[in-house]
């Protein structure tokens, strides 16, 4: 991984220029970096995700919008179901147990 990081700026330039990862793999092996194609692909993904990591975690720390009472809204796992049920016009699930006359 450390050897690949040393060559990473050149790898990025080659990828931007349109070279394939397979060709870059061959050139890295010729340059003295013995790495399999599968491992190169794996390390590339790790390096790319590592760059995007802090930006993603910053968006997760955004505060929740406050309700009129000044408290954050309660978590409702069925909110999506209820919203879809309100949009449904044809048929609604009956509340309560079915009547004995409706059972087979």
C-alpha atoms as a PDB file:
ATOM      1  CA  UNK A   1       0.000   0.000   0.000  1.00  0.00           C
ATOM      2  CA  UNK A   2       2.851   2.396   0.845  1.00  0.00           C
ATOM      3  CA  UNK A   3       4.516   1.723  -2.499  1.00  0.00           C
ATOM      4  CA  UNK A   4       1.272   2.424  -4.305  1.00  0.00           C
ATOM      5  CA  UNK A   5       0.775   5.663  -2.369  1.00  0.00           C
ATOM      6  CA  UNK A   6       4.210   6.781  -3.558  1.00  0.00           C
ATOM      7  CA  UNK A   7       3.117   6.298  -7.175  1.00  0.00           C
ATOM      8  CA  UNK A   8      -0.486   7.427  -6.648  1.00  0.00           C
ATOM      9  CA  UNK A   9      -0.163  10.929  -8.206  1.00  0.00           C
ATOM     10  CA  UNK A  10       1.153   9.353 -11.421  1.00  0.00           C
ATOM     11  CA  UNK A  11      -1.590   6.706 -11.312  1.00  0.00           C
ATOM     12  CA  UNK A  12      -4.257   9.390 -11.006  1.00  0.00           C
ATOM     13  CA  UNK A  13      -2.802  11.326 -13.924  1.00  0.00           C
ATOM     14  CA  UNK A  14      -2.794   8.183 -16.056  1.00  0.00           C
ATOM     15  CA  UNK A  15      -6.407   7.417 -15.138  1.00  0.00           C
ATOM     16  CA  UNK A  16      -7.455  10.983 -15.991  1.00  0.00           C
ATOM     17  CA  UNK A  17      -5.631  10.671 -19.340  1.00  0.00           C
ATOM     18  CA  UNK A  18      -7.773   7.639 -20.166  1.00  0.00           C
ATOM     19  CA  UNK A  19      -5.390   4.762 -19.429  1.00  0.00           C
ATOM     20  CA  UNK A  20      -6.958   1.588 -18.105  1.00  0.00           C
ATOM     21  CA  UNK A  21      -6.216   0.173 -14.683  1.00  0.00           C
ATOM     22  CA  UNK A  22      -4.956  -3.007 -16.421  1.00  0.00           C
ATOM     23  CA  UNK A  23      -2.311  -1.007 -18.302  1.00  0.00           C
ATOM     24  CA  UNK A  24      -1.345   0.896 -15.149  1.00  0.00           C
ATOM     25  CA  UNK A  25      -0.981  -2.455 -13.367  1.00  0.00           C
ATOM     26  CA  UNK A  26       1.478  -3.669 -16.028  1.00  0.00           C
ATOM     27  CA  UNK A  27       3.494  -0.459 -15.813  1.00  0.00           C
ATOM     28  CA  UNK A  28       3.658  -0.593 -12.004  1.00  0.00           C
ATOM     29  CA  UNK A  29       4.994  -4.149 -12.190  1.00  0.00           C
ATOM     30  CA  UNK A  30       7.596  -3.050 -14.743  1.00  0.00           C
ATOM     31  CA  UNK A  31       8.583  -0.149 -12.441  1.00  0.00           C
ATOM     32  CA  UNK A  32       9.290  -2.577  -9.594  1.00  0.00           C
ATOM     33  CA  UNK A  33       6.033  -2.495  -7.661  1.00  0.00           C
ATOM     34  CA  UNK A  34       4.976  -6.169  -7.473  1.00  0.00           C
ATOM     35  CA  UNK A  35       1.227  -5.996  -7.001  1.00  0.00           C
ATOM     36  CA  UNK A  36      -1.607  -8.132  -8.308  1.00  0.00           C
ATOM     37  CA  UNK A  37      -4.366  -6.538 -10.339  1.00  0.00           C
ATOM     38  CA  UNK A  38      -6.957  -7.510  -7.743  1.00  0.00           C
ATOM     39  CA  UNK A  39      -4.935  -5.883  -4.954  1.00  0.00           C
ATOM     40  CA  UNK A  40      -4.370  -2.757  -7.058  1.00  0.00           C
ATOM     41  CA  UNK A  41      -8.098  -2.467  -7.616  1.00  0.00           C
ATOM     42  CA  UNK A  42      -8.770  -2.945  -3.899  1.00  0.00           C
ATOM     43  CA  UNK A  43      -6.173  -0.336  -2.863  1.00  0.00           C
ATOM     44  CA  UNK A  44      -7.518   2.125  -5.433  1.00  0.00           C
ATOM     45  CA  UNK A  45     -10.971   1.841  -3.866  1.00  0.00           C
ATOM     46  CA  UNK A  46      -9.562   2.331  -0.380  1.00  0.00           C
ATOM     47  CA  UNK A  47      -7.583   5.409  -1.400  1.00  0.00           C
ATOM     48  CA  UNK A  48     -10.565   6.924  -3.233  1.00  0.00           C
ATOM     49  CA  UNK A  49     -12.895   6.312  -0.258  1.00  0.00           C
ATOM     50  CA  UNK A  50     -10.296   7.711   2.125  1.00  0.00           C
ATOM     51  CA  UNK A  51     -10.403  11.051   0.328  1.00  0.00           C
ATOM     52  CA  UNK A  52     -14.188  11.282   0.565  1.00  0.00           C
ATOM     53  CA  UNK A  53     -14.411  10.080   4.185  1.00  0.00           C
ATOM     54  CA  UNK A  54     -14.217  13.366   6.158  1.00  0.00           C
ATOM     55  CA  UNK A  55     -16.716  15.156   3.902  1.00  0.00           C
ATOM     56  CA  UNK A  56     -19.201  12.347   4.387  1.00  0.00           C
ATOM     57  CA  UNK A  57     -18.877  12.352   8.180  1.00  0.00           C
ATOM     58  CA  UNK A  58     -19.338  16.126   8.321  1.00  0.00           C
ATOM     59  CA  UNK A  59     -22.723  15.841   6.636  1.00  0.00           C
ATOM     60  CA  UNK A  60     -23.796  13.193   9.156  1.00  0.00           C
ATOM     61  CA  UNK A  61     -23.227  15.619  12.025  1.00  0.00           C
ATOM     62  CA  UNK A  62     -25.739  18.195  10.832  1.00  0.00           C
ATOM     63  CA  UNK A  63     -28.275  19.056  13.529  1.00  0.00           C
ATOM     64  CA  UNK A  64     -31.873  17.926  13.192  1.00  0.00           C
ATOM     65  CA  UNK A  65     -34.502  20.568  12.475  1.00  0.00           C
ATOM     66  CA  UNK A  66     -36.364  21.634  15.588  1.00  0.00           C
ATOM     67  CA  UNK A  67     -40.110  21.343  16.065  1.00  0.00           C
ATOM     68  CA  UNK A  68     -42.130  24.392  17.161  1.00  0.00           C
ATOM     69  CA  UNK A  69     -41.617  23.340  20.781  1.00  0.00           C
ATOM     70  CA  UNK A  70     -37.815  23.497  20.386  1.00  0.00           C
ATOM     71  CA  UNK A  71     -37.205  19.744  20.569  1.00  0.00           C
ATOM     72  CA  UNK A  72     -35.913  17.498  17.778  1.00  0.00           C
ATOM     73  CA  UNK A  73     -38.559  15.345  16.072  1.00  0.00           C
ATOM     74  CA  UNK A  74     -39.007  11.842  17.453  1.00  0.00           C
ATOM     75  CA  UNK A  75     -37.810   8.920  15.372  1.00  0.00           C
ATOM     76  CA  UNK A  76     -40.711   7.268  13.582  1.00  0.00           C
ATOM     77  CA  UNK A  77     -39.780   4.045  11.777  1.00  0.00           C
ATOM     78  CA  UNK A  78     -43.226   3.878  10.142  1.00  0.00           C
ATOM     79  CA  UNK A  79     -43.253   7.439   8.786  1.00  0.00           C
ATOM     80  CA  UNK A  80     -42.736   6.303   5.186  1.00  0.00           C
ATOM     81  CA  UNK A  81     -45.478   3.669   5.495  1.00  0.00           C
ATOM     82  CA  UNK A  82     -47.950   6.194   6.887  1.00  0.00           C
ATOM     83  CA  UNK A  83     -47.158   8.700   4.145  1.00  0.00           C
ATOM     84  CA  UNK A  84     -47.733   6.074   1.452  1.00  0.00           C
ATOM     85  CA  UNK A  85     -50.938   4.908   3.128  1.00  0.00           C
ATOM     86  CA  UNK A  86     -52.330   8.466   3.007  1.00  0.00           C
ATOM     87  CA  UNK A  87     -51.631   8.631  -0.735  1.00  0.00           C
ATOM     88  CA  UNK A  88     -53.482   5.365  -1.370  1.00  0.00           C
ATOM     89  CA  UNK A  89     -57.019   6.073  -2.649  1.00  0.00           C
ATOM     90  CA  UNK A  90     -58.404   2.700  -3.709  1.00  0.00           C
ATOM     91  CA  UNK A  91     -58.226   0.529  -0.636  1.00  0.00           C
ATOM     92  CA  UNK A  92     -57.109   0.905   2.976  1.00  0.00           C
ATOM     93  CA  UNK A  93     -56.246  -1.793   5.435  1.00  0.00           C
ATOM     94  CA  UNK A  94     -59.102  -2.224   7.901  1.00  0.00           C
ATOM     95  CA  UNK A  95     -58.203  -1.525  11.499  1.00  0.00           C
ATOM     96  CA  UNK A  96     -58.741  -4.219  14.104  1.00  0.00           C
ATOM     97  CA  UNK A  97     -59.282  -7.959  13.734  1.00  0.00           C
ATOM     98  CA  UNK A  98     -61.545  -9.293  10.977  1.00  0.00           C
ATOM     99  CA  UNK A  99     -65.143 -10.201  11.788  1.00  0.00           C
ATOM    100  CA  UNK A 100     -66.002 -13.882  12.156  1.00  0.00           C
ATOM    101  CA  UNK A 101     -68.369 -13.656   9.189  1.00  0.00           C
ATOM    102  CA  UNK A 102     -65.444 -12.768   6.922  1.00  0.00           C
ATOM    103  CA  UNK A 103     -63.352 -15.787   7.918  1.00  0.00           C
ATOM    104  CA  UNK A 104     -63.509 -18.965   5.838  1.00  0.00           C
END
